Amino acid sequence: MHCTFNFRPVGQGGFSTGSIKEDDRPVFEFAYDCGTLTPGAHLADQISDARNAFRMQGGKSIIDLLIISHFDEDHVNGVVELLREVRCRVLVSI
């Protein structure tokens, strides 16, 4: 098994994704925060890239866990867009 963790370059804010894989097959995928205050397409581009990287199930990307660290705009203003085409099994706010 191996783990990957990606700090996604969204500017002022936070969006990270990662996975645990066994034999190069994802068995657990997650996202941590999803937002930015930086104008431009940085966040939209990274959301699109993440969707393409997540495993598919029933024709839709899926993650096992979405963690929201806090509710400042630069950490959450992309969550709705992320979840528009990604199925999330568990959402945790800490």
C-alpha atoms as a PDB file:
ATOM      1  CA  MET A   1       0.000   0.000   0.000  1.00  0.00           C
ATOM      2  CA  HIS A   2       1.109   3.547  -0.578  1.00  0.00           C
ATOM      3  CA  CYS A   3      -0.322   7.004   0.073  1.00  0.00           C
ATOM      4  CA  THR A   4      -0.272  10.158  -2.026  1.00  0.00           C
ATOM      5  CA  PHE A   5      -1.059  13.687  -0.849  1.00  0.00           C
ATOM      6  CA  ASN A   6      -1.402  16.648  -3.209  1.00  0.00           C
ATOM      7  CA  PHE A   7      -1.321  20.288  -2.138  1.00  0.00           C
ATOM      8  CA  ARG A   8      -3.234  21.829  -5.024  1.00  0.00           C
ATOM      9  CA  PRO A   9      -2.014  25.279  -6.176  1.00  0.00           C
ATOM     10  CA  VAL A  10      -5.121  27.437  -5.759  1.00  0.00           C
ATOM     11  CA  GLY A  11      -3.504  30.621  -4.462  1.00  0.00           C
ATOM     12  CA  GLN A  12      -4.782  32.126  -1.191  1.00  0.00           C
ATOM     13  CA  GLY A  13      -6.778  29.284   0.321  1.00  0.00           C
ATOM     14  CA  GLY A  14      -6.642  25.550   0.636  1.00  0.00           C
ATOM     15  CA  PHE A  15      -7.411  22.470  -1.413  1.00  0.00           C
ATOM     16  CA  SER A  16      -5.645  19.156  -0.966  1.00  0.00           C
ATOM     17  CA  THR A  17      -6.433  15.664  -2.175  1.00  0.00           C
ATOM     18  CA  GLY A  18      -4.959  12.269  -1.564  1.00  0.00           C
ATOM     19  CA  SER A  19      -5.416   8.561  -1.787  1.00  0.00           C
ATOM     20  CA  ILE A  20      -4.368   5.263  -0.342  1.00  0.00           C
ATOM     21  CA  LYS A  21      -3.696   2.672  -3.023  1.00  0.00           C
ATOM     22  CA  GLU A  22      -3.121  -1.053  -3.002  1.00  0.00           C
ATOM     23  CA  ASP A  23      -1.489  -2.493  -6.112  1.00  0.00           C
ATOM     24  CA  ASP A  24      -1.991   0.919  -7.791  1.00  0.00           C
ATOM     25  CA  ARG A  25      -5.750   0.663  -7.217  1.00  0.00           C
ATOM     26  CA  PRO A  26      -7.300   3.402  -5.041  1.00  0.00           C
ATOM     27  CA  VAL A  27      -8.964   1.999  -1.933  1.00  0.00           C
ATOM     28  CA  PHE A  28      -9.515   5.320  -0.104  1.00  0.00           C
ATOM     29  CA  GLU A  29      -9.605   8.850  -1.525  1.00  0.00           C
ATOM     30  CA  PHE A  30     -10.086  12.159   0.247  1.00  0.00           C
ATOM     31  CA  ALA A  31     -10.143  15.928  -0.103  1.00  0.00           C
ATOM     32  CA  TYR A  32      -9.213  18.499   2.531  1.00  0.00           C
ATOM     33  CA  ASP A  33     -10.845  21.928   2.141  1.00  0.00           C
ATOM     34  CA  CYS A  34     -11.726  23.400  -1.237  1.00  0.00           C
ATOM     35  CA  GLY A  35     -11.532  27.150  -1.620  1.00  0.00           C
ATOM     36  CA  THR A  36      -9.550  30.234  -2.568  1.00  0.00           C
ATOM     37  CA  LEU A  37      -9.677  34.026  -2.567  1.00  0.00           C
ATOM     38  CA  THR A  38      -7.351  34.262  -5.564  1.00  0.00           C
ATOM     39  CA  PRO A  39      -9.155  35.455  -8.694  1.00  0.00           C
ATOM     40  CA  GLY A  40      -8.886  33.441 -11.866  1.00  0.00           C
ATOM     41  CA  ALA A  41      -9.424  29.827 -12.785  1.00  0.00           C
ATOM     42  CA  HIS A  42      -6.907  28.272 -10.360  1.00  0.00           C
ATOM     43  CA  LEU A  43      -9.530  26.579  -8.195  1.00  0.00           C
ATOM     44  CA  ALA A  44     -11.784  25.522 -11.087  1.00  0.00           C
ATOM     45  CA  ASP A  45      -8.809  23.987 -12.884  1.00  0.00           C
ATOM     46  CA  GLN A  46      -7.745  22.083  -9.764  1.00  0.00           C
ATOM     47  CA  ILE A  47     -11.287  20.848  -9.072  1.00  0.00           C
ATOM     48  CA  SER A  48     -11.483  19.543 -12.627  1.00  0.00           C
ATOM     49  CA  ASP A  49      -8.083  17.868 -12.289  1.00  0.00           C
ATOM     50  CA  ALA A  50      -9.098  16.264  -8.973  1.00  0.00           C
ATOM     51  CA  ARG A  51     -12.361  14.950 -10.419  1.00  0.00           C
ATOM     52  CA  ASN A  52     -10.427  13.278 -13.200  1.00  0.00           C
ATOM     53  CA  ALA A  53      -8.013  11.719 -10.698  1.00  0.00           C
ATOM     54  CA  PHE A  54     -10.671  10.281  -8.357  1.00  0.00           C
ATOM     55  CA  ARG A  55     -11.917   6.783  -9.041  1.00  0.00           C
ATOM     56  CA  MET A  56     -15.222   6.346 -10.821  1.00  0.00           C
ATOM     57  CA  GLN A  57     -18.268   4.496  -9.598  1.00  0.00           C
ATOM     58  CA  GLY A  58     -21.566   4.426 -11.455  1.00  0.00           C
ATOM     59  CA  GLY A  59     -20.351   7.048 -13.922  1.00  0.00           C
ATOM     60  CA  LYS A  60     -19.483   9.578 -11.212  1.00  0.00           C
ATOM     61  CA  SER A  61     -16.228  10.420  -9.433  1.00  0.00           C
ATOM     62  CA  ILE A  62     -16.220   9.370  -5.800  1.00  0.00           C
ATOM     63  CA  ILE A  63     -14.290  10.291  -2.667  1.00  0.00           C
ATOM     64  CA  ASP A  64     -14.531   8.545   0.653  1.00  0.00           C
ATOM     65  CA  LEU A  65     -13.934  11.578   2.864  1.00  0.00           C
ATOM     66  CA  LEU A  66     -14.150  15.372   2.588  1.00  0.00           C
ATOM     67  CA  ILE A  67     -12.716  17.286   5.544  1.00  0.00           C
ATOM     68  CA  ILE A  68     -13.537  20.967   6.064  1.00  0.00           C
ATOM     69  CA  SER A  69     -11.021  22.505   8.479  1.00  0.00           C
ATOM     70  CA  HIS A  70     -13.043  25.689   9.096  1.00  0.00           C
ATOM     71  CA  PHE A  71     -15.629  27.800   7.329  1.00  0.00           C
ATOM     72  CA  ASP A  72     -13.574  30.755   6.099  1.00  0.00           C
ATOM     73  CA  GLU A  73     -14.388  31.524   2.471  1.00  0.00           C
ATOM     74  CA  ASP A  74     -10.914  30.621   1.237  1.00  0.00           C
ATOM     75  CA  HIS A  75     -11.397  27.075   2.506  1.00  0.00           C
ATOM     76  CA  VAL A  76     -14.992  26.378   1.425  1.00  0.00           C
ATOM     77  CA  ASN A  77     -16.087  28.473  -1.545  1.00  0.00           C
ATOM     78  CA  GLY A  78     -15.327  25.642  -3.989  1.00  0.00           C
ATOM     79  CA  VAL A  79     -17.031  22.819  -2.089  1.00  0.00           C
ATOM     80  CA  VAL A  80     -20.346  23.141  -3.922  1.00  0.00           C
ATOM     81  CA  GLU A  81     -18.564  23.015  -7.280  1.00  0.00           C
ATOM     82  CA  LEU A  82     -16.469  20.022  -6.180  1.00  0.00           C
ATOM     83  CA  LEU A  83     -19.542  18.093  -5.034  1.00  0.00           C
ATOM     84  CA  ARG A  84     -21.512  18.965  -8.174  1.00  0.00           C
ATOM     85  CA  GLU A  85     -19.880  16.024  -9.969  1.00  0.00           C
ATOM     86  CA  VAL A  86     -18.249  14.124  -7.101  1.00  0.00           C
ATOM     87  CA  ARG A  87     -20.054  11.764  -4.760  1.00  0.00           C
ATOM     88  CA  CYS A  88     -18.777  12.068  -1.184  1.00  0.00           C
ATOM     89  CA  ARG A  89     -19.334   9.227   1.273  1.00  0.00           C
ATOM     90  CA  VAL A  90     -18.473  11.170   4.483  1.00  0.00           C
ATOM     91  CA  LEU A  91     -18.191  14.913   5.173  1.00  0.00           C
ATOM     92  CA  VAL A  92     -16.425  16.025   8.355  1.00  0.00           C
ATOM     93  CA  SER A  93     -16.102  19.525   9.718  1.00  0.00           C
ATOM     94  CA  ILE A  94     -13.492  19.992  12.417  1.00  0.00           C
END
